[in-house]
Amino acid sequence: MRLKKGLAGSGIAMVLILSGGVMANAADITGEEPPEPVAPPVQLEPVNTWSGPFVGVTAGYGFGQTDAAVGTIDTDGFLGGGFAGYNFQYGNFVYGLEGDVGYNAMDGATAGTSSNAGVEGSLRARMGLAVTEGILLYGTAGGAAGRLELSNAAGSDTNTLFGWTAGAGVDAALTENIFGRVEYRYTDYGSESFNTGSGAQNVDASSNRIQLGLGVKF
């Protein structure tokens, strides 16, 4: 009998010890705070840096050729002018319209015939990508017009030529409203009939230009 009671008491003690351990572990588990939820990455919207109107000035160097009855006349010279336009921005994509007016001082001569450019202008579409908030890479293309004077021993004639222009460049923000520009463009002015007094002749003109600019955004 004493043996049975001893065994029973030992069993009860063992059960109590095991129960206490389980309860302690449960208390430890319930006392732990759940991990904080991880926030999803924030999707930052592109900053609308380039939209709106803008104006500016340019200066650069041009080289090209005039094809006349005497052959090809190589021309080069400095040029400068002003530009204005309006950009729209959707995400990183920028598009708009730009016009420019300036003076082209490219000239040259061969075989007694000289070619002198003059006032010119263009109206172009612009499309580009804002690779950062302050850098815009763009392409541009549209119509162009320019005055050209052809001279030889018989006299001179001046006409306006109409053609097209296309190129690419980069606008870089210098401050919140001021940006700098580097641009290359090719222009084909088409052909026109000239008569300097020695008979009519068709004349073609084209140019390559590299320009630096400074603009203001509004």
Protein backbone atom coordinates (compact mmCIF):
# COMPACT_ATOMS: atom_id res chain seq x y z
CA MET A 1 0.00 0.00 0.00
CA ARG A 2 2.77 2.39 0.93
CA LEU A 3 4.51 1.49 -2.33
CA LYS A 4 1.36 2.26 -4.33
CA LYS A 5 0.91 5.59 -2.57
CA GLY A 6 4.55 6.46 -3.20
CA LEU A 7 4.27 5.65 -6.86
CA ALA A 8 1.05 7.64 -7.12
CA GLY A 9 2.65 10.62 -5.42
CA SER A 10 5.66 10.43 -7.72
CA GLY A 11 3.41 10.32 -10.77
CA ILE A 12 1.42 13.34 -9.61
CA ALA A 13 4.65 15.27 -8.97
CA MET A 14 5.94 14.38 -12.44
CA VAL A 15 2.69 15.53 -14.05
CA LEU A 16 2.84 18.84 -12.15
CA ILE A 17 6.46 19.44 -13.21
CA LEU A 18 5.70 18.70 -16.86
CA SER A 19 2.56 20.87 -16.77
CA GLY A 20 4.51 23.74 -15.27
CA GLY A 21 7.13 23.52 -18.04
CA VAL A 22 4.48 23.49 -20.74
CA MET A 23 2.72 26.49 -19.19
CA ALA A 24 6.01 28.36 -18.90
CA ASN A 25 6.80 27.71 -22.56
CA ALA A 26 3.30 28.83 -23.52
CA ALA A 27 3.74 32.01 -21.51
CA ASP A 28 7.05 32.65 -23.26
CA ILE A 29 5.46 32.10 -26.67
CA THR A 30 2.47 34.33 -25.98
CA GLY A 31 4.75 37.03 -24.56
CA GLU A 32 6.72 37.42 -27.81
CA GLU A 33 5.65 40.36 -29.98
CA PRO A 34 4.88 39.54 -33.63
CA PRO A 35 7.37 40.94 -36.18
CA GLU A 36 6.50 44.31 -37.65
CA PRO A 37 5.11 44.11 -41.18
CA VAL A 38 7.55 45.13 -43.92
CA ALA A 39 6.33 48.20 -45.77
CA PRO A 40 6.15 47.84 -49.57
CA PRO A 41 8.75 49.85 -51.52
CA VAL A 42 7.63 53.39 -52.26
CA GLN A 43 7.14 54.08 -55.96
CA LEU A 44 8.34 57.62 -56.54
CA GLU A 45 6.63 59.48 -59.36
CA PRO A 46 9.01 61.23 -61.81
CA VAL A 47 9.38 64.91 -61.03
CA ASN A 48 7.64 67.06 -63.63
CA THR A 49 10.70 69.17 -64.37
CA TRP A 50 10.47 70.12 -68.03
CA SER A 51 6.83 70.94 -68.74
CA GLY A 52 5.80 74.48 -69.62
CA PRO A 53 7.02 77.35 -71.82
CA PHE A 54 10.67 78.26 -72.34
CA VAL A 55 12.81 80.79 -74.23
CA GLY A 56 16.53 81.11 -74.86
CA VAL A 57 19.44 82.16 -77.05
CA THR A 58 22.00 80.15 -79.02
CA ALA A 59 25.40 80.62 -80.63
CA GLY A 60 27.37 78.16 -82.67
CA TYR A 61 29.32 77.18 -85.73
CA GLY A 62 28.07 75.80 -89.04
CA PHE A 63 29.62 74.16 -92.07
CA GLY A 64 28.03 72.94 -95.27
CA GLN A 65 27.81 73.45 -99.01
CA THR A 66 25.99 75.26 -101.78
CA ASP A 67 25.63 73.45 -105.10
CA ALA A 68 25.49 75.89 -108.03
CA ALA A 69 26.28 75.86 -111.76
CA VAL A 70 30.01 76.24 -111.05
CA GLY A 71 30.00 73.21 -108.75
CA THR A 72 30.07 72.78 -104.98
CA ILE A 73 30.83 75.82 -102.85
CA ASP A 74 32.04 74.88 -99.37
CA THR A 75 30.66 77.24 -96.72
CA ASP A 76 31.19 77.78 -93.03
CA GLY A 77 30.74 80.46 -90.40
CA PHE A 78 29.24 81.44 -87.09
CA LEU A 79 25.54 81.65 -86.35
CA GLY A 80 23.29 82.78 -83.55
CA GLY A 81 19.69 83.40 -82.65
CA GLY A 82 16.86 82.84 -80.24
CA PHE A 83 14.39 80.04 -79.60
CA ALA A 84 11.07 79.56 -77.82
CA GLY A 85 8.77 76.62 -77.25
CA TYR A 86 6.54 74.59 -74.98
CA ASN A 87 7.13 71.17 -73.43
CA PHE A 88 4.71 68.58 -72.12
CA GLN A 89 5.91 65.85 -69.75
CA TYR A 90 4.36 62.45 -69.06
CA GLY A 91 6.48 60.46 -66.63
CA ASN A 92 9.99 60.58 -68.05
CA PHE A 93 8.75 61.22 -71.60
CA VAL A 94 8.94 64.85 -72.78
CA TYR A 95 7.48 66.20 -76.01
CA GLY A 96 6.66 69.62 -77.41
CA LEU A 97 7.12 72.24 -80.09
CA GLU A 98 9.95 74.71 -80.64
CA GLY A 99 10.70 77.53 -83.09
CA ASP A 100 13.86 79.55 -83.67
CA VAL A 101 14.95 82.61 -85.63
CA GLY A 102 18.53 83.68 -86.17
CA TYR A 103 21.28 84.89 -88.45
CA ASN A 104 23.48 82.49 -90.41
CA ALA A 105 26.88 83.93 -91.37
CA MET A 106 28.06 80.90 -93.34
CA ASP A 107 29.72 81.84 -96.62
CA GLY A 108 32.18 80.59 -99.21
CA ALA A 109 33.33 81.01 -102.82
CA THR A 110 34.63 78.98 -105.73
CA ALA A 111 35.37 79.73 -109.40
CA GLY A 112 34.30 83.35 -109.01
CA THR A 113 30.89 82.54 -107.48
CA SER A 114 30.18 83.24 -103.82
CA SER A 115 27.43 82.02 -101.50
CA ASN A 116 26.28 83.98 -98.46
CA ALA A 117 23.59 82.83 -96.04
CA GLY A 118 21.43 85.19 -93.98
CA VAL A 119 18.33 85.26 -91.83
CA GLU A 120 16.92 81.79 -91.12
CA GLY A 121 14.41 79.99 -88.95
CA SER A 122 12.72 76.69 -88.22
CA LEU A 123 9.62 75.20 -86.59
CA ARG A 124 10.19 71.75 -85.10
CA ALA A 125 8.69 69.00 -82.98
CA ARG A 126 10.70 67.81 -79.97
CA MET A 127 10.63 64.40 -78.28
CA GLY A 128 12.91 63.31 -75.50
CA LEU A 129 13.61 61.38 -72.32
CA ALA A 130 14.32 62.92 -68.92
CA VAL A 131 17.08 60.53 -67.83
CA THR A 132 17.34 62.41 -64.51
CA GLU A 133 15.47 65.35 -63.01
CA GLY A 134 18.05 67.68 -64.51
CA ILE A 135 19.04 66.03 -67.81
CA LEU A 136 16.83 65.86 -70.90
CA LEU A 137 17.98 64.00 -74.01
CA TYR A 138 15.91 64.88 -77.08
CA GLY A 139 15.52 64.60 -80.81
CA THR A 140 14.01 67.30 -82.99
CA ALA A 141 12.79 67.63 -86.59
CA GLY A 142 10.67 69.96 -88.69
CA GLY A 143 10.60 72.58 -91.41
CA ALA A 144 13.32 75.17 -92.06
CA ALA A 145 13.80 78.26 -94.20
CA GLY A 146 16.75 80.52 -94.93
CA ARG A 147 17.86 83.43 -97.11
CA LEU A 148 20.73 82.86 -99.54
CA GLU A 149 22.60 85.26 -101.79
CA LEU A 150 24.50 84.02 -104.83
CA SER A 151 26.98 86.39 -106.51
CA ASN A 152 29.34 86.30 -109.47
CA ALA A 153 30.84 88.70 -111.99
CA ALA A 154 27.47 89.18 -113.70
CA GLY A 155 25.66 90.27 -110.52
CA SER A 156 23.82 88.74 -107.57
CA ASP A 157 20.46 87.25 -106.68
CA THR A 158 18.82 86.54 -103.31
CA ASN A 159 16.10 84.01 -102.57
CA THR A 160 14.47 82.24 -99.64
CA LEU A 161 14.91 78.47 -99.61
CA PHE A 162 12.53 76.08 -97.83
CA GLY A 163 13.50 72.64 -96.59
CA TRP A 164 13.77 70.52 -93.46
CA THR A 165 16.01 70.13 -90.43
CA ALA A 166 16.65 67.34 -87.90
CA GLY A 167 19.01 66.74 -85.02
CA ALA A 168 19.49 65.88 -81.38
CA GLY A 169 20.70 67.51 -78.20
CA VAL A 170 20.73 67.65 -74.44
CA ASP A 171 19.21 70.21 -72.06
CA ALA A 172 20.77 70.35 -68.59
CA ALA A 173 19.21 72.20 -65.65
CA LEU A 174 21.63 74.72 -64.14
CA THR A 175 19.12 76.08 -61.63
CA GLU A 176 15.40 75.50 -61.05
CA ASN A 177 14.52 77.75 -64.03
CA ILE A 178 17.72 78.09 -66.10
CA PHE A 179 19.09 75.37 -68.37
CA GLY A 180 22.00 74.97 -70.73
CA ARG A 181 21.88 73.29 -74.13
CA VAL A 182 24.16 71.52 -76.59
CA GLU A 183 22.60 70.65 -79.96
CA TYR A 184 23.56 69.30 -83.36
CA ARG A 185 21.32 69.75 -86.41
CA TYR A 186 21.49 69.00 -90.11
CA THR A 187 19.48 71.26 -92.43
CA ASP A 188 18.63 70.72 -96.08
CA TYR A 189 17.30 73.99 -97.43
CA GLY A 190 16.12 72.46 -100.70
CA SER A 191 16.69 74.14 -104.06
CA GLU A 192 15.67 77.39 -105.72
CA SER A 193 16.24 79.04 -109.10
CA PHE A 194 18.74 81.93 -109.07
CA ASN A 195 19.63 84.36 -111.85
CA THR A 196 22.62 86.59 -111.23
CA GLY A 197 22.43 88.04 -114.73
CA SER A 198 24.21 85.23 -116.52
CA GLY A 199 21.19 82.91 -116.82
CA ALA A 200 18.99 80.91 -114.48
CA GLN A 201 20.48 78.11 -112.43
CA ASN A 202 19.19 75.80 -109.71
CA VAL A 203 20.96 76.15 -106.39
CA ASP A 204 20.87 73.72 -103.45
CA ALA A 205 22.13 74.49 -99.94
CA SER A 206 22.66 72.42 -96.80
CA SER A 207 24.42 72.82 -93.47
CA ASN A 208 25.57 71.09 -90.32
CA ARG A 209 25.60 73.03 -87.08
CA ILE A 210 26.71 72.67 -83.49
CA GLN A 211 25.09 75.13 -81.09
CA LEU A 212 25.35 76.06 -77.44
CA GLY A 213 22.34 77.63 -75.78
CA LEU A 214 21.07 79.12 -72.57
CA GLY A 215 17.35 79.04 -71.75
CA VAL A 216 14.79 79.93 -69.12
CA LYS A 217 11.78 77.79 -68.12
CA PHE A 218 8.57 79.36 -66.82
